[in-house]
C-alpha atoms as a PDB file:
ATOM      1  CA  MET A   1      21.930  61.433  27.454  1.00  0.00           C
ATOM      2  CA  ALA A   2      18.689  59.490  27.084  1.00  0.00           C
ATOM      3  CA  LEU A   3      18.683  60.221  23.341  1.00  0.00           C
ATOM      4  CA  VAL A   4      22.191  58.739  22.963  1.00  0.00           C
ATOM      5  CA  GLU A   5      21.163  55.583  24.832  1.00  0.00           C
ATOM      6  CA  GLU A   6      18.030  55.302  22.674  1.00  0.00           C
ATOM      7  CA  ASN A   7      20.110  55.572  19.446  1.00  0.00           C
ATOM      8  CA  TYR A   8      22.565  52.981  20.781  1.00  0.00           C
ATOM      9  CA  SER A   9      19.695  50.648  21.663  1.00  0.00           C
ATOM     10  CA  SER A  10      18.120  51.053  18.192  1.00  0.00           C
ATOM     11  CA  LYS A  11      21.459  50.333  16.460  1.00  0.00           C
ATOM     12  CA  ARG A  12      22.005  47.300  18.682  1.00  0.00           C
ATOM     13  CA  ASN A  13      18.547  45.953  17.773  1.00  0.00           C
ATOM     14  CA  ILE A  14      19.234  46.465  14.069  1.00  0.00           C
ATOM     15  CA  TYR A  15      22.565  44.613  14.368  1.00  0.00           C
ATOM     16  CA  LEU A  16      20.855  41.805  16.249  1.00  0.00           C
ATOM     17  CA  ILE A  17      18.187  41.526  13.547  1.00  0.00           C
ATOM     18  CA  ILE A  18      20.875  41.443  10.832  1.00  0.00           C
ATOM     19  CA  VAL A  19      22.820  38.705  12.647  1.00  0.00           C
ATOM     20  CA  LEU A  20      19.661  36.641  13.137  1.00  0.00           C
ATOM     21  CA  LEU A  21      18.755  37.103   9.473  1.00  0.00           C
ATOM     22  CA  ILE A  22      22.207  35.896   8.377  1.00  0.00           C
ATOM     23  CA  ILE A  23      21.922  32.831  10.632  1.00  0.00           C
ATOM     24  CA  PHE A  24      18.447  32.103   9.255  1.00  0.00           C
ATOM     25  CA  LEU A  25      19.607  32.379   5.620  1.00  0.00           C
ATOM     26  CA  PHE A  26      22.640  30.190   6.286  1.00  0.00           C
ATOM     27  CA  THR A  27      20.593  27.424   7.914  1.00  0.00           C
ATOM     28  CA  THR A  28      17.959  27.644   5.169  1.00  0.00           C
ATOM     29  CA  GLY A  29      20.701  27.217   2.558  1.00  0.00           C
ATOM     30  CA  ILE A  30      22.039  24.139   4.329  1.00  0.00           C
ATOM     31  CA  LEU A  31      18.529  22.683   4.541  1.00  0.00           C
ATOM     32  CA  VAL A  32      17.850  23.281   0.843  1.00  0.00           C
ATOM     33  CA  TYR A  33      21.192  21.673  -0.080  1.00  0.00           C
ATOM     34  CA  TYR A  34      20.446  18.644   2.073  1.00  0.00           C
ATOM     35  CA  ILE A  35      16.971  18.185   0.625  1.00  0.00           C
ATOM     36  CA  GLN A  36      18.112  18.617  -2.965  1.00  0.00           C
ATOM     37  CA  TYR A  37      21.351  16.642  -2.974  1.00  0.00           C
ATOM     38  CA  ARG A  38      21.193  14.221  -0.085  1.00  0.00           C
ATOM     39  CA  THR A  39      17.672  12.786  -0.282  1.00  0.00           C
ATOM     40  CA  SER A  40      16.596  10.731  -3.250  1.00  0.00           C
ATOM     41  CA  VAL A  41      14.457   7.725  -4.129  1.00  0.00           C
ATOM     42  CA  ALA A  42      16.896   6.590  -6.816  1.00  0.00           C
ATOM     43  CA  PRO A  43      20.511   5.551  -6.510  1.00  0.00           C
ATOM     44  CA  LYS A  44      23.043   8.299  -7.134  1.00  0.00           C
ATOM     45  CA  ALA A  45      24.783   8.380 -10.490  1.00  0.00           C
ATOM     46  CA  SER A  46      28.111   8.002  -8.702  1.00  0.00           C
ATOM     47  CA  SER A  47      27.157   4.499  -7.540  1.00  0.00           C
ATOM     48  CA  PHE A  48      26.992   2.597 -10.802  1.00  0.00           C
ATOM     49  CA  SER A  49      29.103   0.005 -12.510  1.00  0.00           C
ATOM     50  CA  VAL A  50      30.442   0.263 -16.049  1.00  0.00           C
ATOM     51  CA  ASP A  51      31.902  -3.241 -15.951  1.00  0.00           C
ATOM     52  CA  ASN A  52      30.228  -5.128 -18.813  1.00  0.00           C
ATOM     53  CA  ASN A  53      31.267  -8.413 -17.213  1.00  0.00           C
ATOM     54  CA  ALA A  54      29.661  -7.568 -13.864  1.00  0.00           C
ATOM     55  CA  PRO A  55      27.218 -10.245 -12.703  1.00  0.00           C
ATOM     56  CA  ILE A  56      23.563  -9.248 -12.732  1.00  0.00           C
ATOM     57  CA  VAL A  57      22.451 -11.370  -9.791  1.00  0.00           C
ATOM     58  CA  ASN A  58      20.467  -8.611  -8.042  1.00  0.00           C
ATOM     59  CA  SER A  59      18.577  -7.513 -11.168  1.00  0.00           C
ATOM     60  CA  TYR A  60      14.791  -7.411 -11.150  1.00  0.00           C
ATOM     61  CA  VAL A  61      11.747  -6.477 -13.236  1.00  0.00           C
ATOM     62  CA  PHE A  62       8.303  -5.141 -12.402  1.00  0.00           C
ATOM     63  CA  ALA A  63       5.230  -3.876 -14.242  1.00  0.00           C
ATOM     64  CA  SER A  64       2.880  -1.060 -13.357  1.00  0.00           C
ATOM     65  CA  PRO A  65       0.026  -1.711 -13.527  1.00  0.00           C
ATOM     66  CA  VAL A  66       0.114  -5.506 -13.894  1.00  0.00           C
ATOM     67  CA  ARG A  67      -3.416  -5.477 -15.308  1.00  0.00           C
ATOM     68  CA  ALA A  68      -4.741  -3.225 -18.085  1.00  0.00           C
ATOM     69  CA  LYS A  69      -7.464  -2.969 -20.690  1.00  0.00           C
ATOM     70  CA  ALA A  70      -6.688  -4.634 -24.028  1.00  0.00           C
ATOM     71  CA  GLY A  71      -6.902  -2.417 -27.051  1.00  0.00           C
ATOM     72  CA  GLY A  72      -5.806   0.853 -25.509  1.00  0.00           C
ATOM     73  CA  ASP A  73      -4.118   0.825 -22.116  1.00  0.00           C
ATOM     74  CA  LEU A  74      -0.381   0.520 -21.633  1.00  0.00           C
ATOM     75  CA  ILE A  75       1.612  -1.348 -19.023  1.00  0.00           C
ATOM     76  CA  ARG A  76       4.980   0.175 -18.088  1.00  0.00           C
ATOM     77  CA  VAL A  77       7.752  -2.368 -17.513  1.00  0.00           C
ATOM     78  CA  THR A  78      10.801  -1.316 -15.538  1.00  0.00           C
ATOM     79  CA  VAL A  79      13.957  -3.416 -15.399  1.00  0.00           C
ATOM     80  CA  PHE A  80      16.848  -2.721 -13.027  1.00  0.00           C
ATOM     81  CA  ALA A  81      20.192  -4.320 -13.923  1.00  0.00           C
ATOM     82  CA  LEU A  82      22.154  -4.457 -10.665  1.00  0.00           C
ATOM     83  CA  ASP A  83      25.552  -5.955  -9.878  1.00  0.00           C
ATOM     84  CA  ASP A  84      26.351  -8.199  -6.915  1.00  0.00           C
ATOM     85  CA  GLU A  85      26.699  -5.148  -4.635  1.00  0.00           C
ATOM     86  CA  GLY A  86      23.336  -3.678  -5.664  1.00  0.00           C
ATOM     87  CA  ALA A  87      24.771  -0.862  -7.795  1.00  0.00           C
ATOM     88  CA  GLY A  88      23.152  -0.078 -11.151  1.00  0.00           C
ATOM     89  CA  VAL A  89      24.986  -1.464 -14.171  1.00  0.00           C
ATOM     90  CA  TYR A  90      25.295   1.148 -16.920  1.00  0.00           C
ATOM     91  CA  ASP A  91      24.853   0.585 -20.681  1.00  0.00           C
ATOM     92  CA  ARG A  92      23.387  -2.923 -20.636  1.00  0.00           C
ATOM     93  CA  LYS A  93      21.062  -4.013 -23.459  1.00  0.00           C
ATOM     94  CA  ILE A  94      17.692  -5.129 -22.078  1.00  0.00           C
ATOM     95  CA  SER A  95      15.081  -6.977 -24.121  1.00  0.00           C
ATOM     96  CA  LEU A  96      11.747  -8.643 -23.428  1.00  0.00           C
ATOM     97  CA  SER A  97      10.573 -11.907 -24.975  1.00  0.00           C
ATOM     98  CA  PHE A  98       6.871 -12.781 -24.659  1.00  0.00           C
ATOM     99  CA  ASN A  99       5.252 -16.202 -24.955  1.00  0.00           C
ATOM    100  CA  ASN A 100       2.723 -14.707 -27.394  1.00  0.00           C
ATOM    101  CA  PRO A 101       3.288 -12.556 -30.497  1.00  0.00           C
ATOM    102  CA  ASN A 102       0.157 -10.451 -29.768  1.00  0.00           C
ATOM    103  CA  VAL A 103       2.012  -8.277 -27.244  1.00  0.00           C
ATOM    104  CA  VAL A 104       3.417  -5.068 -28.714  1.00  0.00           C
ATOM    105  CA  ILE A 105       6.613  -3.924 -26.966  1.00  0.00           C
ATOM    106  CA  LYS A 106       7.507  -0.250 -27.268  1.00  0.00           C
ATOM    107  CA  ASP A 107      11.149   0.349 -26.433  1.00  0.00           C
ATOM    108  CA  ILE A 108      11.333   3.494 -24.294  1.00  0.00           C
ATOM    109  CA  GLN A 109      14.894   2.987 -23.036  1.00  0.00           C
ATOM    110  CA  SER A 110      16.431  -0.425 -23.726  1.00  0.00           C
ATOM    111  CA  LEU A 111      19.973   0.537 -22.685  1.00  0.00           C
ATOM    112  CA  THR A 112      20.322   0.918 -18.928  1.00  0.00           C
ATOM    113  CA  ASP A 113      21.098   4.335 -17.476  1.00  0.00           C
ATOM    114  CA  GLU A 114      23.385   5.176 -14.533  1.00  0.00           C
ATOM    115  CA  THR A 115      20.945   3.587 -12.087  1.00  0.00           C
ATOM    116  CA  GLY A 116      20.690   0.386 -14.163  1.00  0.00           C
ATOM    117  CA  MET A 117      17.131   1.174 -15.280  1.00  0.00           C
ATOM    118  CA  ALA A 118      15.493   0.299 -18.606  1.00  0.00           C
ATOM    119  CA  LEU A 119      11.876   1.063 -19.609  1.00  0.00           C
ATOM    120  CA  PHE A 120       9.308  -0.495 -21.938  1.00  0.00           C
ATOM    121  CA  ASP A 121       5.584  -0.021 -22.634  1.00  0.00           C
ATOM    122  CA  LEU A 122       3.353  -2.989 -23.432  1.00  0.00           C
ATOM    123  CA  SER A 123       0.041  -3.121 -25.248  1.00  0.00           C
ATOM    124  CA  THR A 124      -2.114  -5.659 -27.025  1.00  0.00           C
ATOM    125  CA  ALA A 125      -5.463  -5.849 -28.766  1.00  0.00           C
ATOM    126  CA  VAL A 126      -6.069  -9.413 -27.540  1.00  0.00           C
ATOM    127  CA  SER A 127      -7.206 -10.130 -23.982  1.00  0.00           C
ATOM    128  CA  GLY A 128      -5.210 -12.653 -22.014  1.00  0.00           C
ATOM    129  CA  SER A 129      -2.466 -13.409 -19.544  1.00  0.00           C
ATOM    130  CA  TYR A 130       1.057 -13.035 -20.890  1.00  0.00           C
ATOM    131  CA  GLU A 131       4.438 -14.080 -19.545  1.00  0.00           C
ATOM    132  CA  ALA A 132       7.752 -12.583 -20.576  1.00  0.00           C
ATOM    133  CA  SER A 133      11.381 -13.442 -20.150  1.00  0.00           C
ATOM    134  CA  VAL A 134      13.802 -10.595 -19.552  1.00  0.00           C
ATOM    135  CA  LEU A 135      17.185 -10.701 -21.221  1.00  0.00           C
ATOM    136  CA  ILE A 136      20.110  -8.609 -20.041  1.00  0.00           C
ATOM    137  CA  ASP A 137      22.840  -8.650 -22.694  1.00  0.00           C
ATOM    138  CA  GLY A 138      21.376 -11.953 -23.894  1.00  0.00           C
ATOM    139  CA  ASN A 139      21.366 -13.561 -20.430  1.00  0.00           C
ATOM    140  CA  ILE A 140      17.938 -14.604 -19.167  1.00  0.00           C
ATOM    141  CA  LEU A 141      16.898 -13.121 -15.835  1.00  0.00           C
ATOM    142  CA  PRO A 142      15.536 -15.847 -13.498  1.00  0.00           C
ATOM    143  CA  GLN A 143      12.505 -13.678 -12.615  1.00  0.00           C
ATOM    144  CA  LYS A 144       9.597 -13.857 -15.072  1.00  0.00           C
ATOM    145  CA  LEU A 145       7.192 -11.009 -15.800  1.00  0.00           C
ATOM    146  CA  LYS A 146       3.445 -11.736 -15.844  1.00  0.00           C
ATOM    147  CA  VAL A 147       0.857  -9.214 -17.057  1.00  0.00           C
ATOM    148  CA  LEU A 148      -2.856  -9.411 -17.737  1.00  0.00           C
ATOM    149  CA  PHE A 149      -4.892  -7.593 -20.383  1.00  0.00           C
ATOM    150  CA  ASP A 150      -8.693  -7.677 -20.006  1.00  0.00           C
END
């Protein structure tokens, strides 16, 4: 009789371990899904505008770094074209216009993506402070971009 109870107890422990393992795998799957699809530092592709007449009032530009060595280092310029609700505006033509012809602009991605982002790299062989205007489909962004090459 003791042997039967011992077998029953062993089977019950195995079933309990299997159930706990299934619960663990299920919760791990939910956690992985949440981390992969629900957390992001960029806007989701589903929240963008394709309206070419959408206003670009929330658009902005920044450079990283804002200071670099002339004759070799690059400055990455990022432009976000955003509509009045803050959603990225897709397929907008972005261009930069500098106050000095010494700045070389390398077009990385001049048409905005689903998040409204466009990218450029800047370089120059001449030291100085440079200011650029940003144009979104020919419209000048009120914010100016200032960079410094030493």
